[in-house]
């Protein structure tokens, strides 16, 4: 059967969709690239559409529903899975034409549900299969059984993604008051070290030059294992065994960032063309007000965050530092917002993800007093987005004239450019001929336009 997959949300979802694709290919199915309206005459018209949903914000919920409705228009059987499907199956069940809702624990076995799905009468109600978070297994991570690399041979759909995503952990034991993810993902559980190392080596053998180490809460990696491990320990082992591959860390909580990562990054240096730990960290702030951080049930103070970020920038001057921030959290006063604004302006941040606060049903924050008007939330978010734009452009401008090592992602349809990303997470357009997705090339940053560096390849002299 021909199957189309659309992924919304985080890198963990991307990783899990890659595994789903691999499992489907193992079982003889074809992955088609196209998920468009009115595909009746297309050779790529799918028999089944799988939507891997996200529920981090109300906007994510809307986008998930929109994509499901778009999939229904293809005439294919439609499956919804992921965090929105896990938490709100009742909402999704109202969408006419949706055939199957699977929870997060069922993702890795989607292929087992397909035969009955194809026999389902269109008039039958949607089928719902999910596991409550409290019943999710401990000691292993959801979707961490089986090989990530299974079925992902050269030339397959998955190889179109230039980077591989290695999920080493799932779930979260923290309970930030605004976050619904623990309800959708269950408790933290880690993939054993040897399995992590095996999966990394499989990706390396497949030819991936960059692997993103990801999870819901990777800073807690290893705490549930016996004997215990840690993120720093497993990253050191992965990097040591695969010295010619570069590894990128996904988001790490401020209180869990260890200075040992900086030692590994400094050993690499931005000017090298190979391995190992990318000079890029993403550390969420959420708010620059201690009052709001406390209400969020975050586990650090604004001064702790400030000292950490400044220390990182001092140790590694060219490192890319990203962060997340929420505008308009319940009870956020103008003074609280000013503290956030001033803190972000003062820090050597390279880029920011800004979110207007979004009420998530079932969270502590959703029932708090002092809910901020939606217009004020959006206004404050726009102010922070302006800061983010200035920070991003300043960081990229600093690299004009420099040599960068970029991973080629794909060729643009027109203009003779390739999209690429540097080891320090700068989005680039490279003017070149005959580059290959997935290869790392040395380029010179020549100009800056539309928040992207325009680069030229550096000739290789034999």
Protein backbone atom coordinates (compact mmCIF):
# COMPACT_ATOMS: atom_id res chain seq x y z
CA UNK A 1 0.00 0.00 0.00
CA UNK A 2 0.98 3.61 -0.55
CA UNK A 3 1.19 5.56 2.70
CA UNK A 4 1.71 9.29 3.28
CA UNK A 5 2.92 10.61 6.65
CA UNK A 6 2.69 14.19 7.91
CA UNK A 7 4.48 15.19 11.10
CA UNK A 8 3.70 18.17 13.31
CA UNK A 9 5.63 19.37 16.33
CA UNK A 10 8.93 18.51 17.93
CA UNK A 11 12.05 16.60 16.93
CA UNK A 12 10.80 13.62 18.94
CA UNK A 13 7.78 13.40 16.66
CA UNK A 14 10.09 13.62 13.64
CA UNK A 15 12.18 10.79 15.06
CA UNK A 16 9.11 8.67 15.69
CA UNK A 17 7.74 9.29 12.20
CA UNK A 18 11.05 8.12 10.77
CA UNK A 19 10.72 4.91 12.76
CA UNK A 20 7.13 4.47 11.60
CA UNK A 21 8.28 4.86 7.98
CA UNK A 22 10.97 2.27 8.53
CA UNK A 23 8.55 -0.21 10.04
CA UNK A 24 6.09 0.31 7.21
CA UNK A 25 8.78 -0.24 4.58
CA UNK A 26 9.87 -3.40 6.40
CA UNK A 27 6.34 -4.66 5.98
CA UNK A 28 6.26 -4.01 2.26
CA UNK A 29 4.51 -0.65 2.11
CA UNK A 30 5.54 2.31 -0.05
CA UNK A 31 6.02 5.76 1.45
CA UNK A 32 4.78 8.48 -0.89
CA UNK A 33 5.95 12.05 -0.65
CA UNK A 34 2.72 13.82 -1.46
CA UNK A 35 -0.14 14.81 0.83
CA UNK A 36 -2.24 17.19 -1.24
CA UNK A 37 -5.91 17.79 -1.83
CA UNK A 38 -7.68 16.02 -4.71
CA UNK A 39 -5.11 13.34 -5.50
CA UNK A 40 -7.50 11.05 -7.39
CA UNK A 41 -5.50 11.26 -10.61
CA UNK A 42 -2.05 11.24 -9.04
CA UNK A 43 0.22 8.23 -9.12
CA UNK A 44 1.23 9.15 -5.59
CA UNK A 45 -2.32 9.14 -4.28
CA UNK A 46 -2.00 7.42 -0.88
CA UNK A 47 -4.10 4.52 0.34
CA UNK A 48 -3.48 5.60 3.93
CA UNK A 49 -2.56 8.98 5.45
CA UNK A 50 -0.94 9.06 8.90
CA UNK A 51 -0.96 12.36 10.80
CA UNK A 52 1.49 12.50 13.72
CA UNK A 53 -0.10 15.26 15.79
CA UNK A 54 1.13 17.81 18.34
CA UNK A 55 -0.67 19.48 21.26
CA UNK A 56 1.90 21.85 22.74
CA UNK A 57 -0.34 24.86 22.01
CA UNK A 58 -3.89 25.55 20.85
CA UNK A 59 -2.39 26.47 17.48
CA UNK A 60 -0.80 23.02 17.27
CA UNK A 61 -4.20 21.46 17.93
CA UNK A 62 -5.73 23.55 15.14
CA UNK A 63 -2.96 22.65 12.70
CA UNK A 64 -3.37 18.96 13.54
CA UNK A 65 -7.12 19.07 12.88
CA UNK A 66 -6.53 21.02 9.68
CA UNK A 67 -4.04 18.43 8.42
CA UNK A 68 -6.41 15.56 9.26
CA UNK A 69 -9.20 17.22 7.26
CA UNK A 70 -6.79 17.75 4.40
CA UNK A 71 -5.91 14.06 4.51
CA UNK A 72 -9.59 13.09 4.47
CA UNK A 73 -9.98 15.00 1.19
CA UNK A 74 -7.54 12.61 -0.50
CA UNK A 75 -10.04 9.79 -0.15
CA UNK A 76 -7.51 7.70 1.74
CA UNK A 77 -7.96 5.95 5.07
CA UNK A 78 -6.79 8.39 7.74
CA UNK A 79 -4.91 7.63 10.97
CA UNK A 80 -4.22 10.19 13.71
CA UNK A 81 -1.54 9.52 16.30
CA UNK A 82 0.76 11.61 18.51
CA UNK A 83 0.18 13.78 21.55
CA UNK A 84 -3.06 15.46 20.44
CA UNK A 85 -4.50 12.06 19.56
CA UNK A 86 -3.35 10.74 22.93
CA UNK A 87 -4.91 13.55 24.99
CA UNK A 88 -7.99 14.56 23.00
CA UNK A 89 -9.35 11.56 21.09
CA UNK A 90 -12.87 12.82 21.80
CA UNK A 91 -12.17 16.04 19.88
CA UNK A 92 -10.61 14.24 16.93
CA UNK A 93 -13.44 11.69 16.82
CA UNK A 94 -15.73 14.50 15.67
CA UNK A 95 -13.82 14.85 12.38
CA UNK A 96 -15.81 13.09 9.69
CA UNK A 97 -13.66 10.74 7.64
CA UNK A 98 -11.06 10.01 10.33
CA UNK A 99 -10.78 6.23 10.59
CA UNK A 100 -8.31 5.40 13.37
CA UNK A 101 -6.89 7.17 16.43
CA UNK A 102 -3.75 5.65 17.99
CA UNK A 103 -2.02 6.78 21.17
CA UNK A 104 1.72 7.34 21.56
CA UNK A 105 2.33 3.79 22.81
CA UNK A 106 0.74 2.37 19.67
CA UNK A 107 2.82 4.40 17.19
CA UNK A 108 5.51 1.81 16.69
CA UNK A 109 2.91 -0.84 15.82
CA UNK A 110 0.88 1.13 13.31
CA UNK A 111 1.58 -1.49 10.66
CA UNK A 112 -0.31 -4.07 12.76
CA UNK A 113 -3.52 -2.04 12.53
CA UNK A 114 -3.49 -1.50 8.78
CA UNK A 115 -5.16 -4.72 7.54
CA UNK A 116 -8.29 -4.13 9.65
CA UNK A 117 -8.16 -0.45 8.78
CA UNK A 118 -8.43 -1.21 5.07
CA UNK A 119 -11.47 -3.44 5.75
CA UNK A 120 -13.23 -0.70 7.73
CA UNK A 121 -16.51 0.54 6.29
CA UNK A 122 -16.55 4.34 5.82
CA UNK A 123 -19.81 4.49 7.76
CA UNK A 124 -18.32 2.85 10.84
CA UNK A 125 -17.30 5.14 13.74
CA UNK A 126 -13.66 5.97 14.28
CA UNK A 127 -11.62 3.34 16.13
CA UNK A 128 -9.67 4.56 19.17
CA UNK A 129 -6.73 2.62 20.64
CA UNK A 130 -4.54 4.23 23.29
CA UNK A 131 -2.78 3.59 26.60
CA UNK A 132 -3.30 5.91 29.56
CA UNK A 133 -0.06 7.65 30.67
CA UNK A 134 -0.19 5.95 34.08
CA UNK A 135 -0.13 2.59 32.31
CA UNK A 136 2.75 3.43 29.99
CA UNK A 137 5.73 1.11 30.52
CA UNK A 138 8.71 2.19 32.60
CA UNK A 139 12.30 1.14 32.06
CA UNK A 140 12.09 1.62 28.31
CA UNK A 141 11.00 4.45 26.10
CA UNK A 142 8.02 4.38 23.83
CA UNK A 143 9.19 3.66 20.27
CA UNK A 144 12.63 2.71 21.54
CA UNK A 145 12.22 -0.97 20.78
CA UNK A 146 13.41 -2.04 17.37
CA UNK A 147 15.80 -0.34 15.01
CA UNK A 148 15.41 3.28 14.02
CA UNK A 149 17.32 2.50 10.89
CA UNK A 150 15.19 -0.46 9.84
CA UNK A 151 13.89 -0.04 6.32
CA UNK A 152 15.65 3.28 5.74
CA UNK A 153 17.88 2.35 2.85
CA UNK A 154 19.61 4.80 0.55
CA UNK A 155 17.18 6.43 -1.82
CA UNK A 156 14.18 5.88 0.43
CA UNK A 157 11.80 8.61 1.54
CA UNK A 158 13.52 8.87 4.90
CA UNK A 159 16.90 9.53 3.32
CA UNK A 160 15.46 12.80 2.00
CA UNK A 161 15.92 14.12 5.51
CA UNK A 162 19.58 15.06 5.65
CA UNK A 163 19.86 14.63 9.40
CA UNK A 164 18.98 11.58 11.48
CA UNK A 165 17.11 11.91 14.77
CA UNK A 166 18.15 9.54 17.54
CA UNK A 167 15.57 9.37 20.31
CA UNK A 168 17.26 8.28 23.54
CA UNK A 169 14.52 9.13 26.05
CA UNK A 170 10.78 9.66 26.36
CA UNK A 171 8.41 11.10 28.95
CA UNK A 172 8.91 13.66 31.70
CA UNK A 173 8.84 13.51 35.51
CA UNK A 174 8.60 17.29 35.89
CA UNK A 175 5.25 19.02 36.05
CA UNK A 176 5.66 22.52 34.67
CA UNK A 177 2.31 24.13 35.32
CA UNK A 178 1.67 25.11 31.67
CA UNK A 179 2.73 21.86 29.99
CA UNK A 180 0.51 18.99 28.83
CA UNK A 181 3.36 16.83 27.55
CA UNK A 182 3.76 14.67 30.71
CA UNK A 183 0.08 13.75 30.40
CA UNK A 184 0.66 12.64 26.82
CA UNK A 185 4.04 10.97 27.26
CA UNK A 186 4.07 9.47 30.76
CA UNK A 187 7.06 9.15 33.07
CA UNK A 188 10.67 9.56 31.98
CA UNK A 189 12.28 6.42 30.61
CA UNK A 190 15.63 5.95 28.92
CA UNK A 191 16.99 3.70 26.20
CA UNK A 192 19.84 1.59 27.64
CA UNK A 193 23.32 2.79 26.72
CA UNK A 194 24.21 -0.12 24.47
CA UNK A 195 21.01 0.33 22.49
CA UNK A 196 21.76 4.03 22.05
CA UNK A 197 25.25 3.23 20.80
CA UNK A 198 23.94 0.55 18.44
CA UNK A 199 21.31 2.85 16.94
CA UNK A 200 23.86 5.65 16.49
CA UNK A 201 26.23 3.29 14.68
CA UNK A 202 23.42 2.17 12.37
CA UNK A 203 22.80 5.75 11.34
CA UNK A 204 26.52 6.29 10.78
CA UNK A 205 26.69 3.19 8.55
CA UNK A 206 23.75 4.55 6.56
CA UNK A 207 25.89 7.57 5.74
CA UNK A 208 24.35 10.26 7.93
CA UNK A 209 26.88 12.99 8.68
CA UNK A 210 24.76 14.60 11.42
CA UNK A 211 22.70 12.94 14.13
CA UNK A 212 20.39 14.90 16.43
CA UNK A 213 20.19 13.44 19.93
CA UNK A 214 16.64 13.99 21.06
CA UNK A 215 13.99 13.13 23.62
CA UNK A 216 11.22 14.76 25.60
CA UNK A 217 13.52 15.52 28.55
CA UNK A 218 17.03 14.40 27.62
CA UNK A 219 18.59 15.99 30.69
CA UNK A 220 17.01 13.17 32.72
CA UNK A 221 18.57 10.51 30.51
CA UNK A 222 19.87 7.54 32.45
CA UNK A 223 18.39 8.31 35.86
CA UNK A 224 16.01 5.35 35.54
CA UNK A 225 18.67 2.92 34.31
CA UNK A 226 20.55 0.41 36.45
CA UNK A 227 23.34 1.25 36.82
CA UNK A 228 22.49 4.93 36.41
CA UNK A 229 23.88 6.91 33.50
CA UNK A 230 23.66 10.54 32.39
CA UNK A 231 23.31 12.58 29.23
CA UNK A 232 26.94 13.68 29.43
CA UNK A 233 28.07 10.07 29.79
CA UNK A 234 26.13 8.73 26.82
CA UNK A 235 27.01 11.68 24.58
CA UNK A 236 30.70 11.21 25.39
CA UNK A 237 30.47 7.55 24.42
CA UNK A 238 28.55 8.21 21.21
CA UNK A 239 30.98 10.91 20.13
CA UNK A 240 33.99 8.79 21.03
CA UNK A 241 32.84 5.82 18.98
CA UNK A 242 31.89 7.91 15.93
CA UNK A 243 34.57 10.60 15.58
CA UNK A 244 33.74 11.51 11.97
CA UNK A 245 30.04 12.20 12.59
CA UNK A 246 28.72 15.40 14.09
CA UNK A 247 26.15 15.21 16.86
CA UNK A 248 23.67 17.90 17.79
CA UNK A 249 21.98 18.12 21.18
CA UNK A 250 18.32 19.05 21.41
CA UNK A 251 16.85 21.11 24.24
CA UNK A 252 18.42 20.83 27.72
CA UNK A 253 16.96 22.34 30.90
CA UNK A 254 19.12 25.07 32.52
CA UNK A 255 19.68 23.19 35.77
CA UNK A 256 20.72 20.04 33.86
CA UNK A 257 23.30 21.58 31.54
CA UNK A 258 26.77 20.31 32.43
CA UNK A 259 29.97 22.21 31.66
CA UNK A 260 31.43 18.98 30.28
CA UNK A 261 29.48 19.61 27.08
CA UNK A 262 31.46 22.81 26.56
CA UNK A 263 34.73 20.90 26.87
CA UNK A 264 33.63 18.60 24.05
CA UNK A 265 32.45 21.50 21.91
CA UNK A 266 35.72 23.40 22.39
CA UNK A 267 37.68 20.37 21.21
CA UNK A 268 35.84 20.49 17.90
CA UNK A 269 35.92 24.13 16.91
CA UNK A 270 33.67 25.64 14.27
CA UNK A 271 36.37 25.64 11.56
CA UNK A 272 36.71 21.83 11.45
CA UNK A 273 34.98 19.91 8.69
CA UNK A 274 34.28 16.76 10.72
CA UNK A 275 32.81 15.68 14.10
CA UNK A 276 31.87 15.82 16.79
CA UNK A 277 29.59 17.86 19.10
CA UNK A 278 27.96 20.80 17.31
CA UNK A 279 28.64 24.23 18.86
CA UNK A 280 24.94 24.76 19.47
CA UNK A 281 22.86 24.53 22.63
CA UNK A 282 19.17 25.15 23.24
CA UNK A 283 18.30 26.04 26.83
CA UNK A 284 14.72 27.17 27.57
CA UNK A 285 14.15 30.27 29.71
CA UNK A 286 10.33 30.58 29.57
CA UNK A 287 10.33 33.77 31.71
CA UNK A 288 12.81 36.31 33.06
CA UNK A 289 10.70 36.93 36.18
CA UNK A 290 11.32 34.84 39.28
CA UNK A 291 7.67 35.27 40.25
CA UNK A 292 6.52 33.76 36.98
CA UNK A 293 9.17 31.04 36.98
CA UNK A 294 7.88 29.97 40.39
CA UNK A 295 4.29 29.96 39.13
CA UNK A 296 5.44 27.88 36.16
CA UNK A 297 7.04 25.35 38.56
CA UNK A 298 10.39 25.85 36.87
CA UNK A 299 13.46 24.82 38.86
CA UNK A 300 15.83 27.76 38.50
CA UNK A 301 15.92 31.53 38.86
CA UNK A 302 16.45 34.26 36.30
CA UNK A 303 19.87 35.04 37.80
CA UNK A 304 20.90 31.38 37.53
CA UNK A 305 19.90 31.36 33.86
CA UNK A 306 21.73 34.61 33.18
CA UNK A 307 24.95 33.36 34.76
CA UNK A 308 24.74 30.06 32.87
CA UNK A 309 24.25 31.67 29.45
CA UNK A 310 27.01 34.22 30.01
CA UNK A 311 29.39 31.46 31.15
CA UNK A 312 28.63 29.40 28.04
CA UNK A 313 29.25 32.36 25.73
CA UNK A 314 32.48 33.19 27.54
CA UNK A 315 33.76 29.62 27.21
CA UNK A 316 32.68 29.24 23.56
CA UNK A 317 32.38 32.70 21.93
CA UNK A 318 31.00 31.46 18.60
CA UNK A 319 28.50 28.99 20.00
CA UNK A 320 24.84 29.30 19.01
CA UNK A 321 22.58 29.63 22.05
CA UNK A 322 18.84 29.23 21.55
CA UNK A 323 16.01 29.57 24.03
CA UNK A 324 12.23 29.40 24.47
CA UNK A 325 10.07 32.05 26.12
CA UNK A 326 6.36 32.29 26.93
CA UNK A 327 4.58 35.65 26.82
CA UNK A 328 1.48 36.38 28.87
CA UNK A 329 1.58 33.55 31.40
CA UNK A 330 -1.24 33.88 34.00
CA UNK A 331 -0.44 36.59 36.51
CA UNK A 332 2.35 38.12 34.41
CA UNK A 333 2.39 41.84 35.24
CA UNK A 334 3.94 44.57 33.14
CA UNK A 335 6.90 44.49 35.53
CA UNK A 336 7.29 40.72 35.09
CA UNK A 337 7.23 41.17 31.33
CA UNK A 338 9.80 43.98 31.48
CA UNK A 339 12.12 41.72 33.47
CA UNK A 340 11.84 39.08 30.76
CA UNK A 341 12.38 41.62 28.00
CA UNK A 342 15.42 43.19 29.66
CA UNK A 343 16.99 39.83 30.47
CA UNK A 344 16.69 38.64 26.89
CA UNK A 345 18.08 41.91 25.54
CA UNK A 346 21.12 41.56 27.80
CA UNK A 347 22.00 37.97 26.96
CA UNK A 348 24.14 36.59 24.07
CA UNK A 349 21.21 34.66 22.63
CA UNK A 350 21.42 33.61 18.96
CA UNK A 351 17.76 32.82 18.37
CA UNK A 352 14.51 32.55 20.33
CA UNK A 353 11.28 30.60 20.03
CA UNK A 354 8.51 32.88 21.31
CA UNK A 355 5.08 31.56 22.28
CA UNK A 356 2.05 33.48 23.50
CA UNK A 357 0.81 31.53 26.51
CA UNK A 358 -1.70 28.87 25.48
CA UNK A 359 -4.11 27.30 27.98
CA UNK A 360 -3.73 23.53 27.93
CA UNK A 361 -6.71 21.66 29.40
CA UNK A 362 -5.82 19.67 32.51
CA UNK A 363 -2.74 21.70 33.40
CA UNK A 364 -2.30 23.62 36.64
CA UNK A 365 -1.89 26.93 34.81
CA UNK A 366 -5.18 26.55 32.93
CA UNK A 367 -7.14 27.07 36.15
CA UNK A 368 -4.95 29.83 37.59
CA UNK A 369 -6.39 33.24 38.32
CA UNK A 370 -4.99 36.23 36.47
CA UNK A 371 -5.41 34.85 32.94
CA UNK A 372 -4.04 37.42 30.50
CA UNK A 373 -6.17 38.80 27.68
CA UNK A 374 -5.32 37.19 24.34
CA UNK A 375 -4.57 40.55 22.75
CA UNK A 376 -2.06 41.41 25.46
CA UNK A 377 -0.41 38.00 25.12
CA UNK A 378 0.02 38.50 21.39
CA UNK A 379 1.27 42.06 21.85
CA UNK A 380 3.93 40.94 24.34
CA UNK A 381 4.90 38.08 22.04
CA UNK A 382 5.40 40.54 19.16
CA UNK A 383 7.75 42.62 21.32
CA UNK A 384 9.81 39.53 22.11
CA UNK A 385 9.78 38.46 18.46
CA UNK A 386 11.37 41.79 17.52
CA UNK A 387 14.13 41.12 20.04
CA UNK A 388 14.51 37.62 18.61
CA UNK A 389 14.86 38.99 15.07
CA UNK A 390 17.57 41.46 16.12
CA UNK A 391 19.45 38.78 18.05
CA UNK A 392 19.32 36.35 15.15
CA UNK A 393 20.47 38.88 12.56
CA UNK A 394 23.29 40.10 14.80
CA UNK A 395 24.54 36.57 15.34
CA UNK A 396 24.47 35.78 11.63
CA UNK A 397 26.07 39.10 10.69
CA UNK A 398 28.96 38.25 12.99
CA UNK A 399 29.76 35.34 10.69
CA UNK A 400 29.94 37.31 7.43
CA UNK A 401 33.24 36.62 5.73
CA UNK A 402 33.85 33.51 7.80
CA UNK A 403 34.23 29.90 6.79
CA UNK A 404 31.40 27.60 7.90
CA UNK A 405 30.79 23.88 7.69
CA UNK A 406 27.25 23.32 6.48
CA UNK A 407 25.14 20.23 6.06
CA UNK A 408 23.34 20.27 2.70
CA UNK A 409 19.61 19.68 3.19
CA UNK A 410 18.02 20.06 -0.24
CA UNK A 411 18.17 21.92 -3.53
CA UNK A 412 15.91 24.90 -4.06
CA UNK A 413 13.58 24.61 -7.09
CA UNK A 414 15.02 27.76 -8.68
CA UNK A 415 18.04 30.02 -8.46
CA UNK A 416 20.83 27.47 -8.21
CA UNK A 417 20.84 27.43 -4.41
CA UNK A 418 20.92 24.67 -1.84
CA UNK A 419 19.46 24.95 1.64
CA UNK A 420 21.94 24.05 4.35
CA UNK A 421 22.56 24.36 8.07
CA UNK A 422 25.87 25.07 9.78
CA UNK A 423 27.20 23.19 12.77
CA UNK A 424 26.38 26.26 14.87
CA UNK A 425 22.79 26.22 13.60
CA UNK A 426 22.81 29.02 11.04
CA UNK A 427 20.36 28.56 8.19
CA UNK A 428 22.12 29.14 4.88
CA UNK A 429 21.55 29.32 1.15
CA UNK A 430 24.55 27.97 -0.73
CA UNK A 431 25.13 28.93 -4.36
CA UNK A 432 26.59 25.81 -5.95
CA UNK A 433 26.25 23.07 -8.55
CA UNK A 434 25.79 19.36 -7.93
CA UNK A 435 25.78 19.21 -4.15
CA UNK A 436 24.30 16.15 -2.47
CA UNK A 437 21.79 16.23 0.37
CA UNK A 438 23.46 14.99 3.52
CA UNK A 439 27.01 16.00 2.67
CA UNK A 440 29.01 18.52 4.71
CA UNK A 441 30.76 21.24 2.71
CA UNK A 442 32.92 24.23 3.58
CA UNK A 443 31.43 27.56 2.53
CA UNK A 444 32.14 31.25 2.90
CA UNK A 445 29.38 33.49 4.27
CA UNK A 446 29.08 36.35 1.77
CA UNK A 447 25.87 38.22 2.59
CA UNK A 448 22.77 38.24 4.75
CA UNK A 449 19.20 38.32 3.41
CA UNK A 450 15.83 37.43 4.94
CA UNK A 451 17.45 36.00 8.07
CA UNK A 452 19.61 33.60 6.07
CA UNK A 453 23.28 33.65 5.17
CA UNK A 454 24.07 33.59 1.46
CA UNK A 455 27.17 31.45 1.00
CA UNK A 456 29.58 30.33 -1.69
CA UNK A 457 31.36 27.00 -1.72
CA UNK A 458 35.11 26.98 -1.22
CA UNK A 459 36.97 25.22 -4.05
CA UNK A 460 38.84 22.09 -3.05
CA UNK A 461 42.39 22.08 -4.38
CA UNK A 462 43.92 18.68 -4.88
